[in-house]
Amino acid sequence: MGRKEELQAGLEKTRAKIAELCEKAGRETEPQLLPVTKFHPAEDIALLAELGVTDVAENREQEARAKAEELPELNFHMIGQIQTKKANHVARWASSVHSVDSEKLARALDRGVGLAQEREQRSTELPVFIQVSHDSDSARGGVGWDEVNELVDIVEELEHLQLQGFMVVPPLDADPEPVFAQVRELCDDTSKRLGRDLKLSAGMSADLEAAIVSGTDIVRVGTGIMGPRPVG
């Protein structure tokens, strides 16, 4: 089996699994599938594009930037942690950022987008998701529950960012379903407060069912589509 056939099989299997879980959960609409392509070469991502994929997710800025430059026809989304000093780079290539977790980073991205627009490297605002830390463990990224509403208000005031919703990765030892449900509630409450629909970005291969049951709008799947990480 060639690489393109492997990727097609991974996509079909993942989409079938999502459809099955949605039917089981009584959901009429399926979440957006965002393939996670970190560590895989640009050649693989080009094959995904040939298979109809338009959006992919990356975790590391430098790797993502190189791929985005090589494959400008695709939308690359940043789902990994971002060092503030890399914000100007991210602002140029990212179609969205799922990991905003501090005022410092939000303001750095806002400045970066403004700069990119001045230099005609970007024409749009940057859609962002606030990453919530369910257990307030800052080492794994995310803003704590006691600070999340303040960060929402800060992002809302920034000229070049557009709040799209919330992202969460459950703690390693946690039952994911109540984690997702709590952030879904936050998402819905904030939607009412702001007067527009926000999205929940939650769920990966290991906790896909819990995320779908909890009403996620975006799922991020890597190995199930791309296969094992390349060696070397």
Protein backbone atom coordinates (compact mmCIF):
# COMPACT_ATOMS: atom_id res chain seq x y z
CA MET A 1 0.00 0.00 0.00
CA GLY A 2 1.37 3.41 -0.98
CA ARG A 3 1.52 6.34 1.39
CA LYS A 4 -1.47 8.08 -0.18
CA GLU A 5 -3.55 4.93 0.24
CA GLU A 6 -2.45 4.66 3.89
CA LEU A 7 -3.55 8.24 4.56
CA GLN A 8 -6.84 7.71 2.74
CA ALA A 9 -7.51 4.62 4.85
CA GLY A 10 -6.70 6.54 8.03
CA LEU A 11 -9.02 9.37 7.07
CA GLU A 12 -11.87 7.03 6.15
CA LYS A 13 -11.51 5.00 9.33
CA THR A 14 -11.43 8.13 11.49
CA ARG A 15 -14.42 9.70 9.75
CA ALA A 16 -16.38 6.47 10.09
CA LYS A 17 -15.55 6.34 13.81
CA ILE A 18 -16.70 9.93 14.29
CA ALA A 19 -19.96 9.23 12.43
CA GLU A 20 -20.55 6.10 14.53
CA LEU A 21 -19.92 7.96 17.81
CA CYS A 22 -22.18 10.84 16.77
CA GLU A 23 -24.99 8.43 15.97
CA LYS A 24 -24.48 6.69 19.30
CA ALA A 25 -24.57 10.03 21.13
CA GLY A 26 -27.64 11.22 19.25
CA ARG A 27 -25.78 14.07 17.58
CA GLU A 28 -27.09 15.34 14.25
CA THR A 29 -24.00 17.35 13.31
CA GLU A 30 -20.48 15.96 13.31
CA PRO A 31 -17.51 17.92 14.68
CA GLN A 32 -14.86 19.26 12.32
CA LEU A 33 -11.96 16.84 11.93
CA LEU A 34 -8.58 18.54 12.22
CA PRO A 35 -5.73 16.16 11.29
CA VAL A 36 -2.65 16.66 13.46
CA THR A 37 0.41 16.47 11.23
CA LYS A 38 3.29 17.21 13.63
CA PHE A 39 6.51 15.27 12.94
CA HIS A 40 5.23 14.17 9.53
CA PRO A 41 6.83 15.59 6.37
CA ALA A 42 5.28 18.18 4.09
CA GLU A 43 5.03 15.48 1.40
CA ASP A 44 2.47 13.64 3.56
CA ILE A 45 0.46 16.81 4.10
CA ALA A 46 0.46 17.48 0.35
CA LEU A 47 -1.06 14.02 -0.10
CA LEU A 48 -3.77 14.91 2.44
CA ALA A 49 -4.55 17.97 0.34
CA GLU A 50 -4.93 15.73 -2.72
CA LEU A 51 -7.43 13.72 -0.64
CA GLY A 52 -9.52 16.84 0.00
CA VAL A 53 -8.15 17.97 3.37
CA THR A 54 -7.99 21.77 3.67
CA ASP A 55 -7.00 22.26 7.32
CA VAL A 56 -4.32 20.63 9.48
CA ALA A 57 -2.90 21.24 12.95
CA GLU A 58 0.68 21.56 14.15
CA ASN A 59 2.32 21.76 17.59
CA ARG A 60 5.71 23.33 16.99
CA GLU A 61 6.14 26.80 15.51
CA GLN A 62 9.30 26.36 13.48
CA GLU A 63 8.15 23.07 11.94
CA ALA A 64 4.71 24.49 11.19
CA ARG A 65 6.11 27.67 9.64
CA ALA A 66 8.28 25.69 7.21
CA LYS A 67 5.36 23.50 6.15
CA ALA A 68 3.03 26.48 5.76
CA GLU A 69 5.57 28.18 3.49
CA GLU A 70 5.89 25.01 1.40
CA LEU A 71 2.13 24.38 1.20
CA PRO A 72 0.42 27.79 1.00
CA GLU A 73 -2.80 26.25 -0.33
CA LEU A 74 -3.50 24.65 3.08
CA ASN A 75 -4.68 26.19 6.36
CA PHE A 76 -2.33 25.46 9.25
CA HIS A 77 -3.66 25.76 12.82
CA MET A 78 -1.42 26.08 15.88
CA ILE A 79 -2.48 23.80 18.74
CA GLY A 80 0.77 23.67 20.73
CA GLN A 81 2.21 25.98 23.37
CA ILE A 82 3.68 29.22 22.04
CA GLN A 83 6.63 31.12 23.43
CA THR A 84 5.82 34.83 23.44
CA LYS A 85 8.95 35.55 21.40
CA LYS A 86 7.53 33.35 18.61
CA ALA A 87 4.21 35.23 18.45
CA ASN A 88 5.24 37.38 15.47
CA HIS A 89 6.06 34.25 13.47
CA VAL A 90 2.80 32.51 14.40
CA ALA A 91 0.81 35.61 13.50
CA ARG A 92 2.06 35.38 9.91
CA TRP A 93 1.19 31.77 9.10
CA ALA A 94 -1.49 30.52 11.50
CA SER A 95 -5.09 30.17 10.33
CA SER A 96 -6.01 29.95 14.02
CA VAL A 97 -4.38 29.44 17.41
CA HIS A 98 -5.94 26.98 19.87
CA SER A 99 -3.57 27.59 22.77
CA VAL A 100 -3.92 31.18 24.00
CA ASP A 101 -3.45 30.95 27.77
CA SER A 102 -2.21 34.33 29.02
CA GLU A 103 -2.68 38.04 28.57
CA LYS A 104 1.00 38.33 27.62
CA LEU A 105 0.62 35.86 24.74
CA ALA A 106 -2.68 37.37 23.59
CA ARG A 107 -1.16 40.84 23.39
CA ALA A 108 1.96 39.52 21.63
CA LEU A 109 -0.18 37.77 19.00
CA ASP A 110 -2.28 40.90 18.57
CA ARG A 111 0.86 42.98 17.95
CA GLY A 112 2.18 40.31 15.59
CA VAL A 113 -0.98 40.28 13.49
CA GLY A 114 -0.96 44.07 13.29
CA LEU A 115 2.64 44.00 12.13
CA ALA A 116 1.92 41.26 9.58
CA GLN A 117 -0.97 43.29 8.20
CA GLU A 118 1.22 46.38 7.87
CA ARG A 119 3.75 44.32 5.92
CA GLU A 120 0.99 42.76 3.79
CA GLN A 121 1.85 39.29 5.13
CA ARG A 122 -1.68 38.82 6.44
CA SER A 123 -5.05 40.32 5.54
CA THR A 124 -7.33 38.95 8.27
CA GLU A 125 -7.76 38.92 12.02
CA LEU A 126 -6.36 35.87 13.85
CA PRO A 127 -9.03 33.48 15.18
CA VAL A 128 -8.04 32.21 18.62
CA PHE A 129 -9.20 29.69 21.21
CA ILE A 130 -8.47 30.14 24.89
CA GLN A 131 -6.92 26.99 26.33
CA VAL A 132 -8.39 26.09 29.71
CA SER A 133 -6.32 24.23 32.29
CA HIS A 134 -8.81 22.05 34.12
CA ASP A 135 -6.44 21.42 37.03
CA SER A 136 -4.64 24.80 36.82
CA ASP A 137 -1.32 23.05 36.10
CA SER A 138 0.42 25.76 34.08
CA ALA A 139 3.22 23.37 33.07
CA ARG A 140 0.85 21.71 30.60
CA GLY A 141 -0.52 24.97 29.26
CA GLY A 142 -3.86 26.62 29.78
CA VAL A 143 -5.40 29.35 31.91
CA GLY A 144 -6.95 28.49 35.28
CA TRP A 145 -10.69 28.67 35.92
CA ASP A 146 -10.34 31.75 38.12
CA GLU A 147 -8.71 33.74 35.31
CA VAL A 148 -10.53 32.54 32.21
CA ASN A 149 -13.30 35.17 32.11
CA GLU A 150 -10.76 37.97 32.51
CA LEU A 151 -8.78 36.59 29.57
CA VAL A 152 -11.97 36.40 27.50
CA ASP A 153 -12.55 40.12 28.09
CA ILE A 154 -8.94 40.97 27.20
CA VAL A 155 -9.07 39.04 23.92
CA GLU A 156 -12.41 40.66 23.07
CA GLU A 157 -10.82 44.10 23.40
CA LEU A 158 -7.81 43.34 21.18
CA GLU A 159 -8.10 44.73 17.67
CA HIS A 160 -6.51 41.92 15.67
CA LEU A 161 -7.74 38.79 17.49
CA GLN A 162 -11.15 37.12 17.12
CA LEU A 163 -12.23 34.82 19.94
CA GLN A 164 -13.54 31.58 18.44
CA GLY A 165 -13.98 29.49 21.59
CA PHE A 166 -12.13 27.29 24.06
CA MET A 167 -9.71 24.39 23.91
CA VAL A 168 -8.96 21.84 26.63
CA VAL A 169 -6.70 18.83 27.08
CA PRO A 170 -7.81 16.72 30.07
CA PRO A 171 -5.23 16.02 32.81
CA LEU A 172 -3.53 12.67 32.24
CA ASP A 173 -5.21 10.95 35.19
CA ALA A 174 -8.65 12.54 34.76
CA ASP A 175 -11.91 11.12 33.44
CA PRO A 176 -12.20 13.22 30.25
CA GLU A 177 -15.99 13.39 30.00
CA PRO A 178 -16.65 15.70 32.98
CA VAL A 179 -13.68 17.84 31.93
CA PHE A 180 -15.13 18.29 28.45
CA ALA A 181 -18.63 18.85 29.83
CA GLN A 182 -17.43 21.63 32.12
CA VAL A 183 -15.63 23.45 29.31
CA ARG A 184 -18.66 22.95 27.04
CA GLU A 185 -20.73 24.71 29.71
CA LEU A 186 -18.16 27.52 29.86
CA CYS A 187 -18.34 27.80 26.08
CA ASP A 188 -22.12 28.00 26.06
CA ASP A 189 -22.27 30.50 28.95
CA THR A 190 -19.69 32.71 27.25
CA SER A 191 -21.58 32.47 23.96
CA LYS A 192 -24.66 33.86 25.70
CA ARG A 193 -22.64 36.61 27.36
CA LEU A 194 -21.01 37.73 24.11
CA GLY A 195 -24.08 37.20 21.93
CA ARG A 196 -22.47 34.86 19.40
CA ASP A 197 -21.72 31.16 19.06
CA LEU A 198 -18.34 29.96 20.28
CA LYS A 199 -16.75 26.58 19.55
CA LEU A 200 -15.23 23.88 21.73
CA SER A 201 -11.97 22.32 20.50
CA ALA A 202 -11.66 19.09 22.47
CA GLY A 203 -10.93 15.46 21.85
CA MET A 204 -8.10 13.43 20.38
CA SER A 205 -7.81 9.77 19.42
CA ALA A 206 -7.81 8.47 23.00
CA ASP A 207 -10.81 10.45 24.26
CA LEU A 208 -12.82 10.92 21.08
CA GLU A 209 -16.02 9.37 22.40
CA ALA A 210 -16.06 11.47 25.57
CA ALA A 211 -15.51 14.63 23.52
CA ILE A 212 -18.29 13.84 21.07
CA VAL A 213 -20.73 13.00 23.87
CA SER A 214 -19.86 16.32 25.50
CA GLY A 215 -20.60 18.29 22.34
CA THR A 216 -17.21 19.22 20.95
CA ASP A 217 -17.14 21.19 17.69
CA ILE A 218 -13.58 20.28 16.66
CA VAL A 219 -11.61 17.07 17.20
CA ARG A 220 -7.85 16.83 16.69
CA VAL A 221 -6.67 13.41 15.49
CA GLY A 222 -3.05 12.56 14.67
CA THR A 223 -1.93 8.92 14.81
CA GLY A 224 -5.31 7.55 13.71
CA ILE A 225 -4.88 9.36 10.39
CA MET A 226 -1.15 9.81 9.92
CA GLY A 227 0.09 6.55 11.45
CA PRO A 228 3.12 6.25 13.75
CA ARG A 229 5.59 9.08 14.06
CA PRO A 230 8.39 8.78 11.44
CA VAL A 231 11.65 7.35 12.78
CA GLY A 232 14.81 9.42 12.51
